[in-house]
Amino acid sequence: MKKLLLFGATLLFCGIASAQGDNPAKADNDTIGPWTKKGNASLLFNQSTFENWVAGGENNISGTLGFNYDFNYKKGDWSWDNKVIASYGIVKTRTSSFAKKTDDRLYYNSVVGKKASDRWNYTAFLNFRTQFTKGYNYGKDDNGAEIRTRYTNFMSPAYLLVGPGMQYVRDENFKINISPATSKFTFVDKNFTLPNEAYFGVKEGQSMRYELGFNASMYYKLDVIANVTFENILNLYSNYLEDPQNVDIDYQLNIVMKINRYLTTNLQFQTIYDDNAYRGFQIRQVFGVAANYGF
């Protein structure tokens, strides 16, 4: 039921935003139109084979499929910015019994804004994060064989943040949104929960954790040199209800170095600090040459 409510709230949010900017009874005569859309799909592939290689090595094959899409609306004083990032990668080595994930994420951010001044907007935002497939903890049995235990899954965990705020907009490549009254929902499979709120801060036997706090997010994209782009996404969150000094951090850096129309060298770096998930920094990094399709 809570999952249905989550998706229902998302659809409602999108519907309200669309209604604010789109009036079917009023014709739009703009040549360009109010929508701007831009996306990129990429496939990063890697394979290594060793035969009697004295220096050592392990045969492996890996691939990562990525998707980054922006669809934004602007008309009069109203704007609606949306970003979707999705990626999934696996690696298989000769000595492992299982194919293992190298990447798995689904990210959606949406901000509805109404102009307050030249650089500031009144806003309402929604941010949603989860993964696509099951995640495992790996270990060895008594005979030394590799085993795995399921720990996460789609919607376990899933994070939903919503709240009103103000946004500073220098241009399309630099934006800061501040929301002092942000509701944060953490959804999990109640069958995974642990004593002492050890599973993403959710109480044992429950499927949701609620927080109220302060959220700040920043988007900054810049062209460092010709054909080299840095995209920075930063989210900070402090829970008023419990340990407000423990600020959650989620930082993503996407570097794209263009080789030609279809090939790029990609570096993805992400670090997360959330003491309800892990008491330390989580770090993810993916690097390689990718085939790209822009649309």
C-alpha atoms as a PDB file:
ATOM      1  CA  MET A   1       0.000   0.000   0.000  1.00  0.00           C
ATOM      2  CA  LYS A   2       2.800   2.452   0.866  1.00  0.00           C
ATOM      3  CA  LYS A   3       4.433   1.805  -2.496  1.00  0.00           C
ATOM      4  CA  LEU A   4       1.167   2.595  -4.269  1.00  0.00           C
ATOM      5  CA  LEU A   5       0.859   5.793  -2.245  1.00  0.00           C
ATOM      6  CA  LEU A   6       4.419   6.728  -3.210  1.00  0.00           C
ATOM      7  CA  PHE A   7       3.764   6.376  -6.924  1.00  0.00           C
ATOM      8  CA  GLY A   8       0.397   8.097  -6.548  1.00  0.00           C
ATOM      9  CA  ALA A   9       2.027  11.082  -4.858  1.00  0.00           C
ATOM     10  CA  THR A  10       4.611  11.269  -7.637  1.00  0.00           C
ATOM     11  CA  LEU A  11       1.953  11.274 -10.342  1.00  0.00           C
ATOM     12  CA  LEU A  12      -0.080  13.879  -8.449  1.00  0.00           C
ATOM     13  CA  PHE A  13       2.954  16.145  -8.117  1.00  0.00           C
ATOM     14  CA  CYS A  14       3.644  15.884 -11.847  1.00  0.00           C
ATOM     15  CA  GLY A  15       0.001  16.475 -12.692  1.00  0.00           C
ATOM     16  CA  ILE A  16      -0.216  19.623 -10.571  1.00  0.00           C
ATOM     17  CA  ALA A  17       2.961  20.982 -12.106  1.00  0.00           C
ATOM     18  CA  SER A  18       1.763  20.267 -15.614  1.00  0.00           C
ATOM     19  CA  ALA A  19      -1.597  21.912 -14.940  1.00  0.00           C
ATOM     20  CA  GLN A  20       0.104  25.070 -13.707  1.00  0.00           C
ATOM     21  CA  GLY A  21       1.916  25.568 -16.993  1.00  0.00           C
ATOM     22  CA  ASP A  22      -0.346  23.971 -19.608  1.00  0.00           C
ATOM     23  CA  ASN A  23      -3.819  25.283 -20.318  1.00  0.00           C
ATOM     24  CA  PRO A  24      -5.377  23.330 -23.233  1.00  0.00           C
ATOM     25  CA  ALA A  25      -7.947  26.068 -23.774  1.00  0.00           C
ATOM     26  CA  LYS A  26      -5.182  28.531 -24.544  1.00  0.00           C
ATOM     27  CA  ALA A  27      -3.257  28.079 -27.770  1.00  0.00           C
ATOM     28  CA  ASP A  28       0.527  28.344 -27.731  1.00  0.00           C
ATOM     29  CA  ASN A  29       1.827  30.159 -30.771  1.00  0.00           C
ATOM     30  CA  ASP A  30       5.498  30.066 -29.777  1.00  0.00           C
ATOM     31  CA  THR A  31       7.691  28.779 -32.583  1.00  0.00           C
ATOM     32  CA  ILE A  32      10.024  26.875 -30.283  1.00  0.00           C
ATOM     33  CA  GLY A  33       7.487  25.854 -27.655  1.00  0.00           C
ATOM     34  CA  PRO A  34       7.773  25.761 -23.876  1.00  0.00           C
ATOM     35  CA  TRP A  35       9.567  22.385 -23.647  1.00  0.00           C
ATOM     36  CA  THR A  36      13.283  21.712 -23.948  1.00  0.00           C
ATOM     37  CA  LYS A  37      14.429  18.104 -23.924  1.00  0.00           C
ATOM     38  CA  LYS A  38      17.879  16.592 -24.024  1.00  0.00           C
ATOM     39  CA  GLY A  39      19.181  13.141 -23.212  1.00  0.00           C
ATOM     40  CA  ASN A  40      22.022  10.687 -23.612  1.00  0.00           C
ATOM     41  CA  ALA A  41      22.216   6.898 -23.531  1.00  0.00           C
ATOM     42  CA  SER A  42      25.598   5.215 -23.136  1.00  0.00           C
ATOM     43  CA  LEU A  43      27.050   1.704 -23.084  1.00  0.00           C
ATOM     44  CA  LEU A  44      30.382   1.154 -21.376  1.00  0.00           C
ATOM     45  CA  PHE A  45      31.941  -2.279 -22.038  1.00  0.00           C
ATOM     46  CA  ASN A  46      35.116  -3.885 -20.737  1.00  0.00           C
ATOM     47  CA  GLN A  47      36.640  -7.340 -21.209  1.00  0.00           C
ATOM     48  CA  SER A  48      39.955  -8.830 -20.109  1.00  0.00           C
ATOM     49  CA  THR A  49      41.410 -12.274 -20.854  1.00  0.00           C
ATOM     50  CA  PHE A  50      44.631 -13.803 -19.485  1.00  0.00           C
ATOM     51  CA  GLU A  51      46.317 -17.063 -20.526  1.00  0.00           C
ATOM     52  CA  ASN A  52      49.575 -18.154 -18.846  1.00  0.00           C
ATOM     53  CA  TRP A  53      50.137 -14.516 -17.908  1.00  0.00           C
ATOM     54  CA  VAL A  54      53.070 -14.530 -15.481  1.00  0.00           C
ATOM     55  CA  ALA A  55      52.264 -11.105 -14.032  1.00  0.00           C
ATOM     56  CA  GLY A  56      48.834 -12.379 -12.990  1.00  0.00           C
ATOM     57  CA  GLY A  57      45.296 -11.378 -13.861  1.00  0.00           C
ATOM     58  CA  GLU A  58      41.723 -12.565 -13.790  1.00  0.00           C
ATOM     59  CA  ASN A  59      39.447 -13.030 -16.764  1.00  0.00           C
ATOM     60  CA  ASN A  60      36.453 -10.736 -16.554  1.00  0.00           C
ATOM     61  CA  ILE A  61      33.721  -9.163 -18.599  1.00  0.00           C
ATOM     62  CA  SER A  62      31.685  -6.125 -17.564  1.00  0.00           C
ATOM     63  CA  GLY A  63      29.234  -3.637 -18.966  1.00  0.00           C
ATOM     64  CA  THR A  64      27.340  -0.572 -17.787  1.00  0.00           C
ATOM     65  CA  LEU A  65      24.271   0.928 -19.422  1.00  0.00           C
ATOM     66  CA  GLY A  66      23.541   4.567 -18.556  1.00  0.00           C
ATOM     67  CA  PHE A  67      20.724   7.025 -19.226  1.00  0.00           C
ATOM     68  CA  ASN A  68      20.689  10.765 -18.481  1.00  0.00           C
ATOM     69  CA  TYR A  69      17.663  12.793 -19.563  1.00  0.00           C
ATOM     70  CA  ASP A  70      16.429  16.346 -18.944  1.00  0.00           C
ATOM     71  CA  PHE A  71      12.962  17.587 -19.856  1.00  0.00           C
ATOM     72  CA  ASN A  72      12.204  21.146 -18.812  1.00  0.00           C
ATOM     73  CA  TYR A  73       9.222  23.449 -19.216  1.00  0.00           C
ATOM     74  CA  LYS A  74       9.229  27.252 -19.156  1.00  0.00           C
ATOM     75  CA  LYS A  75       6.393  29.624 -19.944  1.00  0.00           C
ATOM     76  CA  GLY A  76       5.842  33.067 -18.490  1.00  0.00           C
ATOM     77  CA  ASP A  77       6.707  33.081 -14.782  1.00  0.00           C
ATOM     78  CA  TRP A  78       6.392  29.288 -14.471  1.00  0.00           C
ATOM     79  CA  SER A  79       9.089  26.655 -14.900  1.00  0.00           C
ATOM     80  CA  TRP A  80       9.289  22.910 -14.367  1.00  0.00           C
ATOM     81  CA  ASP A  81      12.717  21.226 -14.446  1.00  0.00           C
ATOM     82  CA  ASN A  82      13.080  17.442 -14.506  1.00  0.00           C
ATOM     83  CA  LYS A  83      16.141  15.186 -14.550  1.00  0.00           C
ATOM     84  CA  VAL A  84      16.263  11.391 -14.752  1.00  0.00           C
ATOM     85  CA  ILE A  85      19.479   9.434 -14.233  1.00  0.00           C
ATOM     86  CA  ALA A  86      19.472   5.654 -14.521  1.00  0.00           C
ATOM     87  CA  SER A  87      22.335   3.203 -14.786  1.00  0.00           C
ATOM     88  CA  TYR A  88      22.967  -0.497 -14.372  1.00  0.00           C
ATOM     89  CA  GLY A  89      26.214  -2.453 -14.656  1.00  0.00           C
ATOM     90  CA  ILE A  90      27.466  -5.973 -13.943  1.00  0.00           C
ATOM     91  CA  VAL A  91      30.824  -7.753 -13.920  1.00  0.00           C
ATOM     92  CA  LYS A  92      31.579 -11.480 -14.154  1.00  0.00           C
ATOM     93  CA  THR A  93      34.963 -12.865 -13.204  1.00  0.00           C
ATOM     94  CA  ARG A  94      36.238 -16.404 -13.688  1.00  0.00           C
ATOM     95  CA  THR A  95      36.755 -17.117 -10.001  1.00  0.00           C
ATOM     96  CA  SER A  96      33.411 -15.763  -8.756  1.00  0.00           C
ATOM     97  CA  SER A  97      30.272 -17.869  -8.611  1.00  0.00           C
ATOM     98  CA  PHE A  98      28.065 -14.857  -9.242  1.00  0.00           C
ATOM     99  CA  ALA A  99      27.769 -11.912 -11.596  1.00  0.00           C
ATOM    100  CA  LYS A 100      28.039  -8.801  -9.417  1.00  0.00           C
ATOM    101  CA  LYS A 101      26.698  -5.300  -9.841  1.00  0.00           C
ATOM    102  CA  THR A 102      29.057  -2.448 -10.599  1.00  0.00           C
ATOM    103  CA  ASP A 103      26.276   0.133 -10.771  1.00  0.00           C
ATOM    104  CA  ASP A 104      22.556   0.201  -9.998  1.00  0.00           C
ATOM    105  CA  ARG A 105      20.594   3.402  -9.520  1.00  0.00           C
ATOM    106  CA  LEU A 106      17.434   5.220 -10.473  1.00  0.00           C
ATOM    107  CA  TYR A 107      17.325   8.957  -9.735  1.00  0.00           C
ATOM    108  CA  TYR A 108      14.564  11.472 -10.474  1.00  0.00           C
ATOM    109  CA  ASN A 109      14.550  15.139  -9.491  1.00  0.00           C
ATOM    110  CA  SER A 110      11.721  17.587 -10.245  1.00  0.00           C
ATOM    111  CA  VAL A 111      11.413  21.273  -9.362  1.00  0.00           C
ATOM    112  CA  VAL A 112       8.363  23.456 -10.073  1.00  0.00           C
ATOM    113  CA  GLY A 113       9.104  27.170  -9.878  1.00  0.00           C
ATOM    114  CA  LYS A 114       7.341  30.526 -10.108  1.00  0.00           C
ATOM    115  CA  LYS A 115       9.466  33.611 -10.649  1.00  0.00           C
ATOM    116  CA  ALA A 116       9.930  35.813  -7.588  1.00  0.00           C
ATOM    117  CA  SER A 117      12.677  38.076  -8.993  1.00  0.00           C
ATOM    118  CA  ASP A 118      15.309  38.046 -11.723  1.00  0.00           C
ATOM    119  CA  ARG A 119      17.366  35.311 -10.041  1.00  0.00           C
ATOM    120  CA  TRP A 120      14.973  33.755  -7.487  1.00  0.00           C
ATOM    121  CA  ASN A 121      11.952  31.443  -7.792  1.00  0.00           C
ATOM    122  CA  TYR A 122       9.376  30.138  -5.357  1.00  0.00           C
ATOM    123  CA  THR A 123       9.630  26.354  -5.682  1.00  0.00           C
ATOM    124  CA  ALA A 124       8.267  22.957  -4.764  1.00  0.00           C
ATOM    125  CA  PHE A 125      10.590  20.021  -5.322  1.00  0.00           C
ATOM    126  CA  LEU A 126      10.500  16.240  -5.397  1.00  0.00           C
ATOM    127  CA  ASN A 127      13.497  13.923  -5.314  1.00  0.00           C
ATOM    128  CA  PHE A 128      13.298  10.146  -5.602  1.00  0.00           C
ATOM    129  CA  ARG A 129      16.081   7.521  -5.440  1.00  0.00           C
ATOM    130  CA  THR A 130      16.140   3.736  -5.491  1.00  0.00           C
ATOM    131  CA  GLN A 131      17.780   0.795  -7.294  1.00  0.00           C
ATOM    132  CA  PHE A 132      16.566  -1.640  -9.959  1.00  0.00           C
ATOM    133  CA  THR A 133      17.514  -5.087  -8.684  1.00  0.00           C
ATOM    134  CA  LYS A 134      18.546  -7.110  -5.643  1.00  0.00           C
ATOM    135  CA  GLY A 135      21.750  -6.327  -3.782  1.00  0.00           C
ATOM    136  CA  TYR A 136      23.781  -8.890  -1.841  1.00  0.00           C
ATOM    137  CA  ASN A 137      26.369  -9.233   0.901  1.00  0.00           C
ATOM    138  CA  TYR A 138      29.031 -11.759  -0.113  1.00  0.00           C
ATOM    139  CA  GLY A 139      30.988 -14.198   2.014  1.00  0.00           C
ATOM    140  CA  LYS A 140      32.354 -17.765   2.252  1.00  0.00           C
ATOM    141  CA  ASP A 141      30.775 -20.911   3.657  1.00  0.00           C
ATOM    142  CA  ASP A 142      32.591 -23.480   5.800  1.00  0.00           C
ATOM    143  CA  ASN A 143      34.011 -25.113   2.683  1.00  0.00           C
ATOM    144  CA  GLY A 144      35.343 -21.856   1.281  1.00  0.00           C
ATOM    145  CA  ALA A 145      32.704 -21.560  -1.445  1.00  0.00           C
ATOM    146  CA  GLU A 146      31.361 -18.103  -2.194  1.00  0.00           C
ATOM    147  CA  ILE A 147      27.868 -17.410  -0.874  1.00  0.00           C
ATOM    148  CA  ARG A 148      25.601 -14.380  -0.925  1.00  0.00           C
ATOM    149  CA  THR A 149      22.805 -12.994   1.250  1.00  0.00           C
ATOM    150  CA  ARG A 150      20.168 -10.653  -0.139  1.00  0.00           C
ATOM    151  CA  TYR A 151      20.303  -7.260   1.577  1.00  0.00           C
ATOM    152  CA  THR A 152      18.561  -4.733  -0.685  1.00  0.00           C
ATOM    153  CA  ASN A 153      16.072  -4.710  -3.552  1.00  0.00           C
ATOM    154  CA  PHE A 154      13.993  -2.403  -5.723  1.00  0.00           C
ATOM    155  CA  MET A 155      12.185   0.046  -3.347  1.00  0.00           C
ATOM    156  CA  SER A 156      14.253  -1.265  -0.421  1.00  0.00           C
ATOM    157  CA  PRO A 157      15.599   1.225   0.222  1.00  0.00           C
ATOM    158  CA  ALA A 158      13.835   4.003  -1.672  1.00  0.00           C
ATOM    159  CA  TYR A 159      14.067   7.657  -0.702  1.00  0.00           C
ATOM    160  CA  LEU A 160      11.471  10.337  -1.391  1.00  0.00           C
ATOM    161  CA  LEU A 161      12.007  14.006  -0.479  1.00  0.00           C
ATOM    162  CA  VAL A 162       9.362  16.695  -1.028  1.00  0.00           C
ATOM    163  CA  GLY A 163       9.098  20.271   0.157  1.00  0.00           C
ATOM    164  CA  PRO A 164       8.566  23.973  -0.641  1.00  0.00           C
ATOM    165  CA  GLY A 165      11.448  26.378  -0.931  1.00  0.00           C
ATOM    166  CA  MET A 166      13.342  29.024  -2.870  1.00  0.00           C
ATOM    167  CA  GLN A 167      15.676  28.543  -5.816  1.00  0.00           C
ATOM    168  CA  TYR A 168      18.543  30.688  -7.026  1.00  0.00           C
ATOM    169  CA  VAL A 169      19.037  30.431 -10.792  1.00  0.00           C
ATOM    170  CA  ARG A 170      22.070  32.024 -12.404  1.00  0.00           C
ATOM    171  CA  ASP A 171      21.452  30.167 -15.680  1.00  0.00           C
ATOM    172  CA  GLU A 172      20.515  26.662 -16.857  1.00  0.00           C
ATOM    173  CA  ASN A 173      23.886  25.333 -15.694  1.00  0.00           C
ATOM    174  CA  PHE A 174      23.927  26.709 -12.144  1.00  0.00           C
ATOM    175  CA  LYS A 175      21.013  26.356  -9.715  1.00  0.00           C
ATOM    176  CA  ILE A 176      20.659  26.153  -5.924  1.00  0.00           C
ATOM    177  CA  ASN A 177      17.408  25.105  -4.256  1.00  0.00           C
ATOM    178  CA  ILE A 178      16.820  25.617  -0.515  1.00  0.00           C
ATOM    179  CA  SER A 179      13.912  23.958   1.288  1.00  0.00           C
ATOM    180  CA  PRO A 180      13.727  24.543   5.085  1.00  0.00           C
ATOM    181  CA  ALA A 181      10.701  22.242   5.566  1.00  0.00           C
ATOM    182  CA  THR A 182      11.465  19.058   3.651  1.00  0.00           C
ATOM    183  CA  SER A 183       9.714  15.769   4.358  1.00  0.00           C
ATOM    184  CA  LYS A 184      11.896  12.705   3.801  1.00  0.00           C
ATOM    185  CA  PHE A 185      10.432   9.213   3.476  1.00  0.00           C
ATOM    186  CA  THR A 186      12.598   6.088   3.557  1.00  0.00           C
ATOM    187  CA  PHE A 187      10.812   2.995   2.226  1.00  0.00           C
ATOM    188  CA  VAL A 188      12.054  -0.559   2.788  1.00  0.00           C
ATOM    189  CA  ASP A 189      10.869  -4.152   2.678  1.00  0.00           C
ATOM    190  CA  LYS A 190       9.774  -4.813   6.268  1.00  0.00           C
ATOM    191  CA  ASN A 191      11.139  -8.379   6.000  1.00  0.00           C
ATOM    192  CA  PHE A 192      14.681  -6.936   5.743  1.00  0.00           C
ATOM    193  CA  THR A 193      14.502  -4.706   8.826  1.00  0.00           C
ATOM    194  CA  LEU A 194      16.779  -5.286  11.822  1.00  0.00           C
ATOM    195  CA  PRO A 195      16.770  -4.491  15.555  1.00  0.00           C
ATOM    196  CA  ASN A 196      17.907  -1.054  16.738  1.00  0.00           C
ATOM    197  CA  GLU A 197      16.915   0.568  13.423  1.00  0.00           C
ATOM    198  CA  ALA A 198      20.038  -0.926  11.852  1.00  0.00           C
ATOM    199  CA  TYR A 199      18.421  -1.252   8.419  1.00  0.00           C
ATOM    200  CA  PHE A 200      18.463   2.284   6.953  1.00  0.00           C
ATOM    201  CA  GLY A 201      17.029   3.733  10.183  1.00  0.00           C
ATOM    202  CA  VAL A 202      13.677   1.932   9.853  1.00  0.00           C
ATOM    203  CA  LYS A 203      12.253   0.248  12.941  1.00  0.00           C
ATOM    204  CA  GLU A 204      12.070  -3.531  12.915  1.00  0.00           C
ATOM    205  CA  GLY A 205       8.871  -4.802  11.303  1.00  0.00           C
ATOM    206  CA  GLN A 206       7.998  -1.448   9.716  1.00  0.00           C
ATOM    207  CA  SER A 207       8.337  -0.365   6.094  1.00  0.00           C
ATOM    208  CA  MET A 208       8.782   3.423   6.327  1.00  0.00           C
ATOM    209  CA  ARG A 209      10.766   6.044   8.210  1.00  0.00           C
ATOM    210  CA  TYR A 210       9.672   9.699   8.262  1.00  0.00           C
ATOM    211  CA  GLU A 211      11.942  12.710   8.770  1.00  0.00           C
ATOM    212  CA  LEU A 212      11.390  16.468   8.675  1.00  0.00           C
ATOM    213  CA  GLY A 213      14.346  18.678   8.002  1.00  0.00           C
ATOM    214  CA  PHE A 214      16.344  21.165   5.934  1.00  0.00           C
ATOM    215  CA  ASN A 215      17.380  20.332   2.382  1.00  0.00           C
ATOM    216  CA  ALA A 216      19.750  22.152   0.052  1.00  0.00           C
ATOM    217  CA  SER A 217      20.584  21.013  -3.453  1.00  0.00           C
ATOM    218  CA  MET A 218      22.931  22.367  -6.102  1.00  0.00           C
ATOM    219  CA  TYR A 219      23.356  21.672  -9.811  1.00  0.00           C
ATOM    220  CA  TYR A 220      26.473  22.977 -11.565  1.00  0.00           C
ATOM    221  CA  LYS A 221      27.547  22.029 -15.085  1.00  0.00           C
ATOM    222  CA  LEU A 222      30.579  23.519 -16.775  1.00  0.00           C
ATOM    223  CA  ASP A 223      32.726  23.031 -19.860  1.00  0.00           C
ATOM    224  CA  VAL A 224      36.268  22.871 -18.513  1.00  0.00           C
ATOM    225  CA  ILE A 225      37.934  22.782 -21.923  1.00  0.00           C
ATOM    226  CA  ALA A 226      36.712  21.934 -25.411  1.00  0.00           C
ATOM    227  CA  ASN A 227      34.735  18.640 -25.409  1.00  0.00           C
ATOM    228  CA  VAL A 228      35.173  18.099 -21.641  1.00  0.00           C
ATOM    229  CA  THR A 229      32.106  18.590 -19.443  1.00  0.00           C
ATOM    230  CA  PHE A 230      31.810  18.396 -15.652  1.00  0.00           C
ATOM    231  CA  GLU A 231      28.321  17.888 -14.181  1.00  0.00           C
ATOM    232  CA  ASN A 232      28.039  18.298 -10.384  1.00  0.00           C
ATOM    233  CA  ILE A 233      24.947  17.365  -8.338  1.00  0.00           C
ATOM    234  CA  LEU A 234      25.000  17.937  -4.567  1.00  0.00           C
ATOM    235  CA  ASN A 235      22.256  17.260  -2.011  1.00  0.00           C
ATOM    236  CA  LEU A 236      22.464  18.048   1.726  1.00  0.00           C
ATOM    237  CA  TYR A 237      19.847  17.091   4.299  1.00  0.00           C
ATOM    238  CA  SER A 238      19.582  17.664   8.065  1.00  0.00           C
ATOM    239  CA  ASN A 239      16.859  15.937  10.099  1.00  0.00           C
ATOM    240  CA  TYR A 240      15.295  18.302  12.673  1.00  0.00           C
ATOM    241  CA  LEU A 241      13.723  15.380  14.558  1.00  0.00           C
ATOM    242  CA  GLU A 242      16.889  13.393  15.295  1.00  0.00           C
ATOM    243  CA  ASP A 243      20.614  14.259  15.321  1.00  0.00           C
ATOM    244  CA  PRO A 244      20.384  17.396  13.141  1.00  0.00           C
ATOM    245  CA  GLN A 245      24.176  17.740  13.284  1.00  0.00           C
ATOM    246  CA  ASN A 246      24.530  14.546  11.208  1.00  0.00           C
ATOM    247  CA  VAL A 247      24.062  16.020   7.747  1.00  0.00           C
ATOM    248  CA  ASP A 248      23.303  13.544   4.945  1.00  0.00           C
ATOM    249  CA  ILE A 249      25.488  14.162   1.876  1.00  0.00           C
ATOM    250  CA  ASP A 250      24.959  12.906  -1.670  1.00  0.00           C
ATOM    251  CA  TYR A 251      27.443  14.183  -4.259  1.00  0.00           C
ATOM    252  CA  GLN A 252      27.620  13.071  -7.893  1.00  0.00           C
ATOM    253  CA  LEU A 253      30.245  14.034 -10.454  1.00  0.00           C
ATOM    254  CA  ASN A 254      29.787  13.053 -14.095  1.00  0.00           C
ATOM    255  CA  ILE A 255      32.721  13.836 -16.395  1.00  0.00           C
ATOM    256  CA  VAL A 256      32.296  13.365 -20.136  1.00  0.00           C
ATOM    257  CA  MET A 257      35.284  13.698 -22.477  1.00  0.00           C
ATOM    258  CA  LYS A 258      34.078  13.641 -26.068  1.00  0.00           C
ATOM    259  CA  ILE A 259      36.182  11.674 -28.572  1.00  0.00           C
ATOM    260  CA  ASN A 260      33.817  11.956 -31.516  1.00  0.00           C
ATOM    261  CA  ARG A 261      30.082  11.992 -32.155  1.00  0.00           C
ATOM    262  CA  TYR A 262      29.509   8.507 -30.768  1.00  0.00           C
ATOM    263  CA  LEU A 263      32.442   7.778 -28.435  1.00  0.00           C
ATOM    264  CA  THR A 264      33.286   9.396 -25.097  1.00  0.00           C
ATOM    265  CA  THR A 265      35.455   8.710 -22.109  1.00  0.00           C
ATOM    266  CA  ASN A 266      33.204   8.760 -19.051  1.00  0.00           C
ATOM    267  CA  LEU A 267      34.003   9.089 -15.367  1.00  0.00           C
ATOM    268  CA  GLN A 268      31.215   8.755 -12.818  1.00  0.00           C
ATOM    269  CA  PHE A 269      31.955   9.409  -9.164  1.00  0.00           C
ATOM    270  CA  GLN A 270      29.473   9.402  -6.296  1.00  0.00           C
ATOM    271  CA  THR A 271      29.887   9.605  -2.550  1.00  0.00           C
ATOM    272  CA  ILE A 272      27.125   9.325   0.041  1.00  0.00           C
ATOM    273  CA  TYR A 273      27.150   9.925   3.775  1.00  0.00           C
ATOM    274  CA  ASP A 274      24.018   8.730   5.571  1.00  0.00           C
ATOM    275  CA  ASP A 275      24.583   7.357   9.076  1.00  0.00           C
ATOM    276  CA  ASN A 276      21.267   5.498   8.927  1.00  0.00           C
ATOM    277  CA  ALA A 277      22.620   3.409   6.038  1.00  0.00           C
ATOM    278  CA  TYR A 278      26.355   3.234   6.878  1.00  0.00           C
ATOM    279  CA  ARG A 279      28.488   5.096   9.409  1.00  0.00           C
ATOM    280  CA  GLY A 280      31.026   6.368   6.936  1.00  0.00           C
ATOM    281  CA  PHE A 281      31.332   7.475   3.330  1.00  0.00           C
ATOM    282  CA  GLN A 282      29.980   5.244   0.586  1.00  0.00           C
ATOM    283  CA  ILE A 283      31.948   5.659  -2.640  1.00  0.00           C
ATOM    284  CA  ARG A 284      31.119   4.552  -6.195  1.00  0.00           C
ATOM    285  CA  GLN A 285      33.307   5.162  -9.249  1.00  0.00           C
ATOM    286  CA  VAL A 286      32.926   3.991 -12.855  1.00  0.00           C
ATOM    287  CA  PHE A 287      35.428   4.834 -15.608  1.00  0.00           C
ATOM    288  CA  GLY A 288      35.761   3.774 -19.228  1.00  0.00           C
ATOM    289  CA  VAL A 289      35.147   4.457 -22.891  1.00  0.00           C
ATOM    290  CA  ALA A 290      31.480   4.441 -23.823  1.00  0.00           C
ATOM    291  CA  ALA A 291      29.384   4.363 -26.958  1.00  0.00           C
ATOM    292  CA  ASN A 292      26.822   7.172 -26.796  1.00  0.00           C
ATOM    293  CA  TYR A 293      23.581   8.123 -28.432  1.00  0.00           C
ATOM    294  CA  GLY A 294      22.282  11.643 -27.881  1.00  0.00           C
ATOM    295  CA  PHE A 295      18.633  12.588 -28.307  1.00  0.00           C
END
